[in-house]
Amino acid sequence: MQSKNKTLTTGLFLFVIGGITLLVERLTNWGVSRLIGKLYCGERYLQAAGQVGDGTCGFNMDMVVGLVCFLLCVTGLLLLVIGLVQKSLWKKKI
């Protein structure tokens, strides 16, 4: 019976989610970062700098989304490598 390697599955899941979100964000004007910015800032999203408030909330949200997607991809790749090493060590035991 083959054991399930949760590290490999989790790494693949994180890599795919991060990659798809990054591709959708960068290749289309659909605006994943705009949606996240509006959810995070509410009515303060990109308010004019002349208005009284905390500044322009959500201004660099595209950079934040890109960074999070990149970190998800890197974490997924690391977990994939760890899972593949575990799988090869498991096969050598048997």
C-alpha atoms as a PDB file:
ATOM      1  CA  MET A   1       0.000   0.000   0.000  1.00  0.00           C
ATOM      2  CA  GLN A   2       1.342   3.417  -0.950  1.00  0.00           C
ATOM      3  CA  SER A   3       1.537   6.010   1.810  1.00  0.00           C
ATOM      4  CA  LYS A   4       0.246   9.516   1.193  1.00  0.00           C
ATOM      5  CA  ASN A   5       2.906  12.182   1.227  1.00  0.00           C
ATOM      6  CA  LYS A   6       1.176  15.253   2.671  1.00  0.00           C
ATOM      7  CA  THR A   7       4.254  17.443   2.271  1.00  0.00           C
ATOM      8  CA  LEU A   8       4.362  16.767  -1.462  1.00  0.00           C
ATOM      9  CA  THR A   9       0.632  17.407  -1.849  1.00  0.00           C
ATOM     10  CA  THR A  10       0.727  20.607   0.212  1.00  0.00           C
ATOM     11  CA  GLY A  11       3.728  21.900  -1.719  1.00  0.00           C
ATOM     12  CA  LEU A  12       2.056  21.224  -5.044  1.00  0.00           C
ATOM     13  CA  PHE A  13      -1.150  22.910  -3.844  1.00  0.00           C
ATOM     14  CA  LEU A  14       0.684  26.047  -2.639  1.00  0.00           C
ATOM     15  CA  PHE A  15       2.724  26.278  -5.832  1.00  0.00           C
ATOM     16  CA  VAL A  16      -0.334  25.942  -8.079  1.00  0.00           C
ATOM     17  CA  ILE A  17      -2.443  28.439  -6.096  1.00  0.00           C
ATOM     18  CA  GLY A  18       0.365  31.004  -5.987  1.00  0.00           C
ATOM     19  CA  GLY A  19       1.192  30.542  -9.661  1.00  0.00           C
ATOM     20  CA  ILE A  20      -2.385  30.761 -10.901  1.00  0.00           C
ATOM     21  CA  THR A  21      -3.110  33.847  -8.802  1.00  0.00           C
ATOM     22  CA  LEU A  22       0.087  35.505 -10.013  1.00  0.00           C
ATOM     23  CA  LEU A  23      -0.715  34.709 -13.650  1.00  0.00           C
ATOM     24  CA  VAL A  24      -4.282  35.983 -13.357  1.00  0.00           C
ATOM     25  CA  GLU A  25      -3.059  39.159 -11.660  1.00  0.00           C
ATOM     26  CA  ARG A  26      -0.293  39.896 -14.156  1.00  0.00           C
ATOM     27  CA  LEU A  27      -1.867  38.797 -17.449  1.00  0.00           C
ATOM     28  CA  THR A  28      -5.307  40.328 -17.066  1.00  0.00           C
ATOM     29  CA  ASN A  29      -6.772  43.559 -15.820  1.00  0.00           C
ATOM     30  CA  TRP A  30      -9.282  41.632 -13.741  1.00  0.00           C
ATOM     31  CA  GLY A  31      -7.686  43.039 -10.631  1.00  0.00           C
ATOM     32  CA  VAL A  32      -7.092  40.503  -7.887  1.00  0.00           C
ATOM     33  CA  SER A  33      -5.114  43.196  -6.080  1.00  0.00           C
ATOM     34  CA  ARG A  34      -7.926  45.717  -6.584  1.00  0.00           C
ATOM     35  CA  LEU A  35     -10.428  43.293  -5.068  1.00  0.00           C
ATOM     36  CA  ILE A  36      -8.175  42.546  -2.092  1.00  0.00           C
ATOM     37  CA  GLY A  37      -7.450  46.265  -1.658  1.00  0.00           C
ATOM     38  CA  LYS A  38     -11.152  47.118  -1.595  1.00  0.00           C
ATOM     39  CA  LEU A  39     -11.817  44.348   0.928  1.00  0.00           C
ATOM     40  CA  TYR A  40      -8.932  45.508   3.125  1.00  0.00           C
ATOM     41  CA  CYS A  41      -9.457  49.292   2.945  1.00  0.00           C
ATOM     42  CA  GLY A  42     -13.186  49.588   2.387  1.00  0.00           C
ATOM     43  CA  GLU A  43     -14.271  53.078   1.426  1.00  0.00           C
ATOM     44  CA  ARG A  44     -10.771  54.443   2.081  1.00  0.00           C
ATOM     45  CA  TYR A  45      -9.438  52.508  -0.953  1.00  0.00           C
ATOM     46  CA  LEU A  46      -7.260  54.908  -2.978  1.00  0.00           C
ATOM     47  CA  GLN A  47      -8.831  58.021  -1.464  1.00  0.00           C
ATOM     48  CA  ALA A  48      -7.372  61.272  -2.719  1.00  0.00           C
ATOM     49  CA  ALA A  49      -4.267  62.467  -0.905  1.00  0.00           C
ATOM     50  CA  GLY A  50      -5.869  65.875  -0.226  1.00  0.00           C
ATOM     51  CA  GLN A  51      -8.619  64.356   1.911  1.00  0.00           C
ATOM     52  CA  VAL A  52      -8.156  64.028   5.629  1.00  0.00           C
ATOM     53  CA  GLY A  53      -7.299  60.449   6.491  1.00  0.00           C
ATOM     54  CA  ASP A  54      -4.523  57.901   6.803  1.00  0.00           C
ATOM     55  CA  GLY A  55      -3.173  58.479   3.299  1.00  0.00           C
ATOM     56  CA  THR A  56      -3.918  56.350   0.302  1.00  0.00           C
ATOM     57  CA  CYS A  57      -4.849  52.924   1.575  1.00  0.00           C
ATOM     58  CA  GLY A  58      -4.277  50.151  -0.934  1.00  0.00           C
ATOM     59  CA  PHE A  59      -1.841  52.086  -3.111  1.00  0.00           C
ATOM     60  CA  ASN A  60       0.768  49.318  -3.385  1.00  0.00           C
ATOM     61  CA  MET A  61      -1.649  46.413  -3.070  1.00  0.00           C
ATOM     62  CA  ASP A  62      -0.495  44.957  -6.414  1.00  0.00           C
ATOM     63  CA  MET A  63       3.034  44.677  -5.013  1.00  0.00           C
ATOM     64  CA  VAL A  64       1.742  43.002  -1.856  1.00  0.00           C
ATOM     65  CA  VAL A  65      -0.301  40.473  -3.855  1.00  0.00           C
ATOM     66  CA  GLY A  66       2.677  39.782  -6.129  1.00  0.00           C
ATOM     67  CA  LEU A  67       4.957  39.263  -3.142  1.00  0.00           C
ATOM     68  CA  VAL A  68       2.503  36.919  -1.405  1.00  0.00           C
ATOM     69  CA  CYS A  69       2.047  34.895  -4.611  1.00  0.00           C
ATOM     70  CA  PHE A  70       5.819  34.676  -5.079  1.00  0.00           C
ATOM     71  CA  LEU A  71       6.259  33.537  -1.471  1.00  0.00           C
ATOM     72  CA  LEU A  72       3.530  30.914  -1.940  1.00  0.00           C
ATOM     73  CA  CYS A  73       5.341  29.600  -5.029  1.00  0.00           C
ATOM     74  CA  VAL A  74       8.723  29.467  -3.270  1.00  0.00           C
ATOM     75  CA  THR A  75       7.222  27.778  -0.202  1.00  0.00           C
ATOM     76  CA  GLY A  76       5.442  25.309  -2.463  1.00  0.00           C
ATOM     77  CA  LEU A  77       8.669  24.502  -4.304  1.00  0.00           C
ATOM     78  CA  LEU A  78      10.518  23.951  -1.027  1.00  0.00           C
ATOM     79  CA  LEU A  79       7.780  21.623   0.217  1.00  0.00           C
ATOM     80  CA  LEU A  80       7.814  19.801  -3.128  1.00  0.00           C
ATOM     81  CA  VAL A  81      11.552  19.184  -2.838  1.00  0.00           C
ATOM     82  CA  ILE A  82      11.197  18.036   0.773  1.00  0.00           C
ATOM     83  CA  GLY A  83       8.322  15.736  -0.208  1.00  0.00           C
ATOM     84  CA  LEU A  84      10.279  14.235  -3.106  1.00  0.00           C
ATOM     85  CA  VAL A  85      13.275  13.594  -0.845  1.00  0.00           C
ATOM     86  CA  GLN A  86      10.997  11.942   1.724  1.00  0.00           C
ATOM     87  CA  LYS A  87       9.445   9.814  -1.013  1.00  0.00           C
ATOM     88  CA  SER A  88      12.823   8.659  -2.304  1.00  0.00           C
ATOM     89  CA  LEU A  89      14.002   7.851   1.224  1.00  0.00           C
ATOM     90  CA  TRP A  90      10.789   5.918   1.861  1.00  0.00           C
ATOM     91  CA  LYS A  91      11.338   3.856  -1.305  1.00  0.00           C
ATOM     92  CA  LYS A  92      14.928   3.074  -0.271  1.00  0.00           C
ATOM     93  CA  LYS A  93      13.674   1.765   3.088  1.00  0.00           C
ATOM     94  CA  ILE A  94      11.378  -0.739   1.406  1.00  0.00           C
END
